[in-house]
């Protein structure tokens, strides 16, 4: 059931997306398939790396955040996709067993000029391990308006 529309994404609103635990088997399976750098797939290589231990792929970390976003927001929103973003960063490594808190903040929101039945919402994604940010991204989400009609 759709509960969230463009009008609900007001600048300053923060969505707490809950926590996610980093599962070692999932982390390794992802790295082996999509990002098989030695420090992502081999314990000894991870220990010898700048990370000091087997580290999750940043893309795996991003996918953990994405899952919380789908579960916490998109599954109940009039989501129309995303045209992209302008920032993605992994300022600290993620390790198996970490518990990460996910959040999303609305930075800006405006109706599309060419398609006013949808809104463009600039969002900041984040994953935290305690007080430390391990992932952040700024991107645009597109959401349908509550009335779904064009305005003049």
N, C-alpha and C. Protein backbone atom coordinates (compact mmCIF):
# COMPACT_ATOMS: atom_id res chain seq x y z
N UNK A 1 0.83 -1.18 0.00
CA UNK A 1 0.00 0.00 0.00
C UNK A 1 0.88 1.25 0.00
N UNK A 2 0.58 2.18 -0.87
CA UNK A 2 1.36 3.40 -0.98
C UNK A 2 0.98 4.36 0.14
N UNK A 3 1.98 4.75 0.92
CA UNK A 3 1.78 5.67 2.03
C UNK A 3 2.58 6.96 1.85
N UNK A 4 3.69 6.88 1.14
CA UNK A 4 4.58 8.03 1.01
C UNK A 4 4.58 8.54 -0.42
N UNK A 5 4.33 9.84 -0.54
CA UNK A 5 4.33 10.52 -1.83
C UNK A 5 5.34 11.66 -1.78
N UNK A 6 5.55 12.28 -2.91
CA UNK A 6 6.48 13.40 -3.00
C UNK A 6 6.29 14.39 -1.85
N UNK A 7 5.05 14.72 -1.54
CA UNK A 7 4.75 15.72 -0.52
C UNK A 7 5.27 15.33 0.87
N UNK A 8 5.53 14.06 1.09
CA UNK A 8 6.01 13.57 2.38
C UNK A 8 7.53 13.70 2.54
N UNK A 9 8.22 14.03 1.47
CA UNK A 9 9.68 14.15 1.50
C UNK A 9 10.07 15.62 1.63
N UNK A 10 9.91 16.12 2.84
CA UNK A 10 10.18 17.53 3.11
C UNK A 10 11.63 17.71 3.56
N UNK A 11 12.30 18.77 3.08
CA UNK A 11 13.69 19.00 3.47
C UNK A 11 13.86 18.98 4.99
N UNK A 12 14.90 18.26 5.43
CA UNK A 12 15.18 18.12 6.85
C UNK A 12 14.63 16.84 7.45
N UNK A 13 13.68 16.22 6.79
CA UNK A 13 13.12 14.97 7.33
C UNK A 13 14.18 13.87 7.27
N UNK A 14 14.30 13.14 8.36
CA UNK A 14 15.25 12.03 8.45
C UNK A 14 14.46 10.74 8.63
N UNK A 15 14.79 9.76 7.85
CA UNK A 15 14.19 8.43 7.96
C UNK A 15 15.21 7.51 8.63
N UNK A 16 14.85 6.96 9.77
CA UNK A 16 15.66 5.93 10.43
C UNK A 16 15.30 4.62 9.76
N UNK A 17 16.26 4.01 9.10
CA UNK A 17 16.00 2.79 8.32
C UNK A 17 16.38 1.52 9.08
N UNK A 18 16.73 1.67 10.35
CA UNK A 18 17.02 0.49 11.16
C UNK A 18 18.47 0.06 11.06
N UNK A 19 18.72 -1.16 11.52
CA UNK A 19 20.08 -1.68 11.52
C UNK A 19 20.19 -2.90 10.62
N UNK A 20 21.42 -3.16 10.23
CA UNK A 20 21.72 -4.33 9.42
C UNK A 20 23.03 -4.92 9.94
N UNK A 21 23.06 -6.23 10.06
CA UNK A 21 24.28 -6.92 10.48
C UNK A 21 25.02 -7.41 9.24
N UNK A 22 26.32 -7.27 9.24
CA UNK A 22 27.13 -7.69 8.09
C UNK A 22 27.43 -9.17 8.25
N UNK A 23 26.85 -9.96 7.37
CA UNK A 23 27.01 -11.41 7.37
C UNK A 23 28.24 -11.80 6.54
N UNK A 24 29.15 -12.52 7.15
CA UNK A 24 30.41 -12.90 6.49
C UNK A 24 30.17 -13.67 5.19
N UNK A 25 29.28 -14.66 5.22
CA UNK A 25 29.04 -15.47 4.02
C UNK A 25 28.49 -14.63 2.88
N UNK A 26 27.54 -13.74 3.17
CA UNK A 26 26.99 -12.85 2.14
C UNK A 26 28.07 -11.90 1.61
N UNK A 27 28.87 -11.36 2.54
CA UNK A 27 29.94 -10.44 2.17
C UNK A 27 30.92 -11.10 1.21
N UNK A 28 31.33 -12.33 1.53
CA UNK A 28 32.27 -13.06 0.69
C UNK A 28 31.65 -13.45 -0.64
N UNK A 29 30.42 -13.92 -0.64
CA UNK A 29 29.76 -14.31 -1.88
C UNK A 29 29.66 -13.12 -2.84
N UNK A 30 29.29 -11.97 -2.31
CA UNK A 30 29.20 -10.77 -3.13
C UNK A 30 30.58 -10.43 -3.71
N UNK A 31 31.59 -10.41 -2.86
CA UNK A 31 32.94 -10.04 -3.32
C UNK A 31 33.45 -11.02 -4.36
N UNK A 32 33.25 -12.30 -4.13
CA UNK A 32 33.72 -13.30 -5.11
C UNK A 32 33.07 -13.09 -6.48
N UNK A 33 31.81 -12.69 -6.48
CA UNK A 33 31.11 -12.53 -7.74
C UNK A 33 31.37 -11.17 -8.39
N UNK A 34 31.39 -10.10 -7.59
CA UNK A 34 31.38 -8.76 -8.17
C UNK A 34 32.62 -7.91 -7.92
N UNK A 35 33.39 -8.21 -6.89
CA UNK A 35 34.53 -7.35 -6.54
C UNK A 35 35.64 -8.19 -5.91
N UNK A 36 36.21 -9.13 -6.69
CA UNK A 36 37.15 -10.10 -6.12
C UNK A 36 38.57 -9.58 -5.90
N UNK A 37 38.68 -8.40 -5.32
CA UNK A 37 40.00 -7.92 -4.93
C UNK A 37 40.46 -8.75 -3.73
N UNK A 38 41.76 -9.03 -3.63
CA UNK A 38 42.24 -9.94 -2.59
C UNK A 38 41.79 -9.59 -1.17
N UNK A 39 41.79 -8.31 -0.80
CA UNK A 39 41.41 -7.92 0.57
C UNK A 39 39.91 -8.07 0.84
N UNK A 40 39.11 -8.39 -0.21
CA UNK A 40 37.68 -8.65 -0.04
C UNK A 40 37.37 -10.15 0.01
N UNK A 41 38.31 -10.99 -0.46
CA UNK A 41 37.99 -12.42 -0.57
C UNK A 41 38.94 -13.35 0.18
N UNK A 42 40.05 -12.82 0.68
CA UNK A 42 41.06 -13.67 1.33
C UNK A 42 41.45 -13.08 2.68
N UNK A 43 41.28 -13.88 3.73
CA UNK A 43 41.59 -13.39 5.09
C UNK A 43 43.03 -12.90 5.23
N UNK A 44 43.98 -13.65 4.72
CA UNK A 44 45.39 -13.26 4.85
C UNK A 44 45.69 -11.98 4.09
N UNK A 45 45.13 -11.86 2.89
CA UNK A 45 45.31 -10.62 2.11
C UNK A 45 44.67 -9.44 2.83
N UNK A 46 43.53 -9.68 3.45
CA UNK A 46 42.87 -8.63 4.23
C UNK A 46 43.71 -8.17 5.41
N UNK A 47 44.30 -9.14 6.12
CA UNK A 47 45.17 -8.80 7.26
C UNK A 47 46.38 -7.99 6.82
N UNK A 48 46.92 -8.32 5.65
CA UNK A 48 48.11 -7.64 5.15
C UNK A 48 47.80 -6.29 4.48
N UNK A 49 46.52 -6.00 4.30
CA UNK A 49 46.12 -4.76 3.62
C UNK A 49 46.05 -3.59 4.59
N UNK A 50 45.77 -2.42 4.06
CA UNK A 50 45.60 -1.23 4.90
C UNK A 50 44.40 -1.36 5.83
N UNK A 51 43.51 -2.32 5.55
CA UNK A 51 42.32 -2.51 6.38
C UNK A 51 42.61 -3.34 7.63
N UNK A 52 43.65 -4.18 7.59
CA UNK A 52 44.02 -5.00 8.73
C UNK A 52 43.17 -6.22 8.94
N UNK A 53 42.19 -6.42 8.09
CA UNK A 53 41.31 -7.59 8.16
C UNK A 53 40.53 -7.67 6.85
N UNK A 54 39.88 -8.79 6.64
CA UNK A 54 39.02 -8.95 5.47
C UNK A 54 37.96 -7.86 5.50
N UNK A 55 37.89 -7.05 4.46
CA UNK A 55 36.97 -5.91 4.42
C UNK A 55 35.90 -6.14 3.36
N UNK A 56 34.71 -5.65 3.65
CA UNK A 56 33.60 -5.73 2.69
C UNK A 56 33.88 -4.83 1.50
N UNK A 57 33.41 -5.26 0.34
CA UNK A 57 33.41 -4.38 -0.82
C UNK A 57 32.53 -3.18 -0.53
N UNK A 58 32.96 -2.02 -0.99
CA UNK A 58 32.12 -0.83 -0.85
C UNK A 58 30.77 -1.01 -1.53
N UNK A 59 30.77 -1.73 -2.64
CA UNK A 59 29.51 -1.95 -3.36
C UNK A 59 28.58 -2.87 -2.57
N UNK A 60 29.14 -3.80 -1.82
CA UNK A 60 28.33 -4.62 -0.91
C UNK A 60 27.74 -3.72 0.18
N UNK A 61 28.55 -2.85 0.72
CA UNK A 61 28.09 -1.92 1.75
C UNK A 61 26.94 -1.07 1.21
N UNK A 62 27.09 -0.57 -0.01
CA UNK A 62 26.02 0.22 -0.64
C UNK A 62 24.76 -0.62 -0.79
N UNK A 63 24.92 -1.89 -1.14
CA UNK A 63 23.74 -2.74 -1.31
C UNK A 63 23.03 -3.00 0.02
N UNK A 64 23.79 -3.04 1.12
CA UNK A 64 23.15 -3.17 2.44
C UNK A 64 22.26 -1.96 2.71
N UNK A 65 22.78 -0.76 2.41
CA UNK A 65 21.97 0.43 2.61
C UNK A 65 20.75 0.39 1.70
N UNK A 66 20.93 -0.01 0.44
CA UNK A 66 19.82 -0.04 -0.51
C UNK A 66 18.71 -0.94 0.00
N UNK A 67 19.07 -2.08 0.58
CA UNK A 67 18.03 -2.98 1.09
C UNK A 67 17.23 -2.30 2.21
N UNK A 68 17.89 -1.58 3.09
CA UNK A 68 17.16 -0.89 4.16
C UNK A 68 16.25 0.20 3.59
N UNK A 69 16.70 0.85 2.52
CA UNK A 69 15.92 1.90 1.86
C UNK A 69 14.67 1.30 1.23
N UNK A 70 14.83 0.18 0.55
CA UNK A 70 13.66 -0.49 -0.05
C UNK A 70 12.68 -0.89 1.04
N UNK A 71 13.17 -1.56 2.07
CA UNK A 71 12.30 -2.04 3.14
C UNK A 71 11.65 -0.91 3.93
N UNK A 72 12.41 0.15 4.20
CA UNK A 72 11.92 1.22 5.06
C UNK A 72 11.17 2.33 4.36
N UNK A 73 11.41 2.50 3.05
CA UNK A 73 10.78 3.63 2.35
C UNK A 73 10.14 3.18 1.03
N UNK A 74 10.92 2.66 0.12
CA UNK A 74 10.43 2.42 -1.24
C UNK A 74 9.27 1.45 -1.32
N UNK A 75 9.24 0.44 -0.46
CA UNK A 75 8.16 -0.55 -0.50
C UNK A 75 6.80 0.07 -0.20
N UNK A 76 6.80 1.26 0.39
CA UNK A 76 5.53 1.91 0.73
C UNK A 76 5.41 3.30 0.10
N UNK A 77 6.23 3.56 -0.91
CA UNK A 77 6.26 4.88 -1.52
C UNK A 77 5.85 4.83 -2.99
N UNK A 78 5.44 5.98 -3.48
CA UNK A 78 5.13 6.14 -4.91
C UNK A 78 6.45 6.41 -5.64
N UNK A 79 7.35 5.44 -5.54
CA UNK A 79 8.69 5.59 -6.13
C UNK A 79 8.63 5.44 -7.64
N UNK A 80 9.37 6.30 -8.32
CA UNK A 80 9.45 6.26 -9.78
C UNK A 80 10.90 6.11 -10.25
N UNK A 81 11.77 5.59 -9.38
CA UNK A 81 13.16 5.37 -9.76
C UNK A 81 14.06 6.52 -9.36
N UNK A 82 15.22 6.55 -10.01
CA UNK A 82 16.23 7.57 -9.72
C UNK A 82 17.01 7.88 -10.98
N UNK A 83 17.24 9.16 -11.25
CA UNK A 83 18.07 9.52 -12.40
C UNK A 83 19.57 9.49 -12.09
N UNK A 84 19.94 9.24 -10.82
CA UNK A 84 21.35 9.16 -10.47
C UNK A 84 21.70 9.97 -9.25
N UNK A 85 23.00 10.13 -9.07
CA UNK A 85 23.47 10.82 -7.88
C UNK A 85 24.72 11.60 -8.17
N UNK A 86 25.24 12.21 -7.10
CA UNK A 86 26.42 13.04 -7.26
C UNK A 86 27.53 12.71 -6.27
N UNK A 87 27.27 11.80 -5.33
CA UNK A 87 28.30 11.46 -4.36
C UNK A 87 28.10 10.03 -3.88
N UNK A 88 29.21 9.34 -3.73
CA UNK A 88 29.22 8.05 -3.06
C UNK A 88 30.58 7.93 -2.39
N UNK A 89 30.59 7.53 -1.13
CA UNK A 89 31.85 7.47 -0.39
C UNK A 89 31.79 6.36 0.64
N UNK A 90 32.96 5.76 0.87
CA UNK A 90 33.15 4.75 1.88
C UNK A 90 34.30 5.22 2.78
N UNK A 91 34.03 6.11 3.72
CA UNK A 91 35.11 6.71 4.51
C UNK A 91 35.76 5.78 5.53
N UNK A 92 35.16 4.63 5.79
CA UNK A 92 35.75 3.67 6.73
C UNK A 92 35.37 2.26 6.27
N UNK A 93 36.26 1.30 6.48
CA UNK A 93 35.96 -0.07 6.05
C UNK A 93 34.88 -0.72 6.89
N UNK A 94 34.24 -1.71 6.31
CA UNK A 94 33.21 -2.50 6.97
C UNK A 94 33.72 -3.93 7.06
N UNK A 95 33.42 -4.58 8.19
CA UNK A 95 33.91 -5.93 8.45
C UNK A 95 32.75 -6.86 8.81
N UNK A 96 32.96 -8.14 8.59
CA UNK A 96 31.97 -9.15 8.98
C UNK A 96 31.66 -8.98 10.47
N UNK A 97 30.39 -9.07 10.79
CA UNK A 97 29.95 -8.94 12.17
C UNK A 97 29.58 -7.53 12.57
N UNK A 98 29.95 -6.53 11.78
CA UNK A 98 29.57 -5.15 12.11
C UNK A 98 28.05 -5.01 12.12
N UNK A 99 27.56 -4.18 13.00
CA UNK A 99 26.16 -3.78 13.00
C UNK A 99 26.10 -2.33 12.59
N UNK A 100 25.37 -2.07 11.53
CA UNK A 100 25.33 -0.74 10.93
C UNK A 100 23.94 -0.14 11.04
N UNK A 101 23.86 1.14 11.37
CA UNK A 101 22.58 1.85 11.42
C UNK A 101 22.43 2.65 10.13
N UNK A 102 21.28 2.47 9.48
CA UNK A 102 21.00 3.13 8.21
C UNK A 102 20.05 4.30 8.41
N UNK A 103 20.30 5.36 7.66
CA UNK A 103 19.41 6.53 7.70
C UNK A 103 19.40 7.19 6.33
N UNK A 104 18.40 8.05 6.15
CA UNK A 104 18.28 8.83 4.94
C UNK A 104 17.71 10.19 5.31
N UNK A 105 18.33 11.24 4.80
CA UNK A 105 17.87 12.60 5.07
C UNK A 105 17.44 13.25 3.76
N UNK A 106 16.33 13.95 3.80
CA UNK A 106 15.85 14.71 2.66
C UNK A 106 16.57 16.06 2.65
N UNK A 107 17.30 16.33 1.58
CA UNK A 107 18.04 17.59 1.46
C UNK A 107 17.26 18.66 0.73
N UNK A 108 16.62 18.28 -0.37
CA UNK A 108 15.85 19.22 -1.21
C UNK A 108 14.70 18.47 -1.84
N UNK A 109 13.66 19.19 -2.20
CA UNK A 109 12.53 18.58 -2.91
C UNK A 109 11.89 19.63 -3.81
N UNK A 110 11.61 19.23 -5.04
CA UNK A 110 10.92 20.13 -5.97
C UNK A 110 10.15 19.31 -6.99
N UNK A 111 9.08 19.88 -7.49
CA UNK A 111 8.34 19.23 -8.57
C UNK A 111 9.13 19.35 -9.86
N UNK A 112 9.03 18.34 -10.66
CA UNK A 112 9.65 18.37 -11.98
C UNK A 112 8.97 19.44 -12.82
N UNK A 113 9.77 20.23 -13.55
CA UNK A 113 9.20 21.25 -14.43
C UNK A 113 8.52 20.60 -15.64
N UNK A 114 9.14 19.56 -16.18
CA UNK A 114 8.59 18.93 -17.39
C UNK A 114 7.50 17.90 -17.08
N UNK A 115 7.51 17.36 -15.88
CA UNK A 115 6.50 16.37 -15.48
C UNK A 115 6.06 16.66 -14.04
N UNK A 116 5.22 17.67 -13.85
CA UNK A 116 4.86 18.10 -12.50
C UNK A 116 4.07 17.08 -11.68
N UNK A 117 3.70 15.97 -12.29
CA UNK A 117 3.05 14.91 -11.52
C UNK A 117 4.07 14.07 -10.74
N UNK A 118 5.35 14.44 -10.89
CA UNK A 118 6.37 13.76 -10.09
C UNK A 118 7.30 14.78 -9.45
N UNK A 119 7.86 14.37 -8.33
CA UNK A 119 8.78 15.23 -7.60
C UNK A 119 10.18 14.66 -7.61
N UNK A 120 11.15 15.54 -7.61
CA UNK A 120 12.56 15.18 -7.53
C UNK A 120 13.05 15.50 -6.13
N UNK A 121 13.59 14.50 -5.47
CA UNK A 121 13.98 14.63 -4.07
C UNK A 121 15.46 14.29 -3.93
N UNK A 122 16.24 15.26 -3.48
CA UNK A 122 17.67 15.05 -3.24
C UNK A 122 17.81 14.45 -1.84
N UNK A 123 18.48 13.30 -1.77
CA UNK A 123 18.57 12.52 -0.54
C UNK A 123 20.01 12.24 -0.16
N UNK A 124 20.26 12.17 1.15
CA UNK A 124 21.57 11.75 1.65
C UNK A 124 21.40 10.42 2.38
N UNK A 125 22.09 9.42 1.89
CA UNK A 125 22.09 8.09 2.50
C UNK A 125 23.27 7.98 3.44
N UNK A 126 23.11 7.22 4.52
CA UNK A 126 24.26 6.98 5.39
C UNK A 126 24.12 5.66 6.13
N UNK A 127 25.29 5.06 6.38
CA UNK A 127 25.43 3.91 7.26
C UNK A 127 26.45 4.27 8.31
N UNK A 128 26.12 4.00 9.57
CA UNK A 128 27.00 4.32 10.69
C UNK A 128 27.34 3.05 11.47
N UNK A 129 28.56 2.98 11.91
CA UNK A 129 28.98 1.97 12.89
C UNK A 129 29.31 2.78 14.13
N UNK A 130 28.40 2.77 15.10
CA UNK A 130 28.54 3.67 16.24
C UNK A 130 28.48 5.10 15.74
N UNK A 131 29.48 5.90 16.07
CA UNK A 131 29.54 7.29 15.63
C UNK A 131 30.28 7.47 14.30
N UNK A 132 30.78 6.38 13.76
CA UNK A 132 31.61 6.45 12.55
C UNK A 132 30.78 6.18 11.29
N UNK A 133 30.87 7.08 10.32
CA UNK A 133 30.21 6.88 9.03
C UNK A 133 31.04 5.92 8.19
N UNK A 134 30.39 4.86 7.68
CA UNK A 134 31.09 3.90 6.82
C UNK A 134 30.62 3.97 5.37
N UNK A 135 29.49 4.64 5.15
CA UNK A 135 28.96 4.81 3.79
C UNK A 135 28.11 6.06 3.77
N UNK A 136 28.25 6.82 2.68
CA UNK A 136 27.34 7.94 2.45
C UNK A 136 27.19 8.13 0.95
N UNK A 137 26.04 8.64 0.59
CA UNK A 137 25.75 8.90 -0.81
C UNK A 137 24.73 10.03 -0.89
N UNK A 138 24.83 10.82 -1.94
CA UNK A 138 23.83 11.83 -2.23
C UNK A 138 23.30 11.51 -3.62
N UNK A 139 21.99 11.40 -3.71
CA UNK A 139 21.37 11.02 -4.98
C UNK A 139 19.98 11.62 -5.06
N UNK A 140 19.35 11.49 -6.21
CA UNK A 140 18.00 12.00 -6.41
C UNK A 140 17.03 10.84 -6.56
N UNK A 141 15.93 10.91 -5.84
CA UNK A 141 14.84 9.96 -5.99
C UNK A 141 13.68 10.67 -6.66
N UNK A 142 12.91 9.92 -7.44
CA UNK A 142 11.72 10.48 -8.08
C UNK A 142 10.49 9.82 -7.43
N UNK A 143 9.53 10.65 -7.05
CA UNK A 143 8.34 10.15 -6.38
C UNK A 143 7.10 10.79 -6.98
N UNK A 144 6.05 9.99 -7.11
CA UNK A 144 4.78 10.51 -7.60
C UNK A 144 4.14 11.43 -6.58
N UNK A 145 3.37 12.40 -7.08
CA UNK A 145 2.66 13.31 -6.19
C UNK A 145 1.39 12.64 -5.68
N UNK A 146 0.89 13.13 -4.58
CA UNK A 146 -0.29 12.54 -3.96
C UNK A 146 -1.49 12.56 -4.90
N UNK A 147 -1.70 13.66 -5.61
CA UNK A 147 -2.87 13.72 -6.51
C UNK A 147 -2.57 13.11 -7.88
N UNK A 148 -1.29 12.92 -8.19
CA UNK A 148 -0.92 12.29 -9.45
C UNK A 148 -1.29 13.05 -10.70
N UNK A 149 -1.64 14.30 -10.54
CA UNK A 149 -2.05 15.08 -11.71
C UNK A 149 -1.11 16.24 -11.93
N UNK A 150 -1.15 16.74 -13.12
CA UNK A 150 -0.35 17.91 -13.46
C UNK A 150 -0.93 19.16 -12.80
N UNK A 151 -0.04 20.07 -12.48
CA UNK A 151 -0.50 21.38 -11.99
C UNK A 151 -0.27 22.40 -13.08
N UNK A 152 -1.02 23.49 -13.05
CA UNK A 152 -0.81 24.50 -14.10
C UNK A 152 0.19 25.53 -13.69
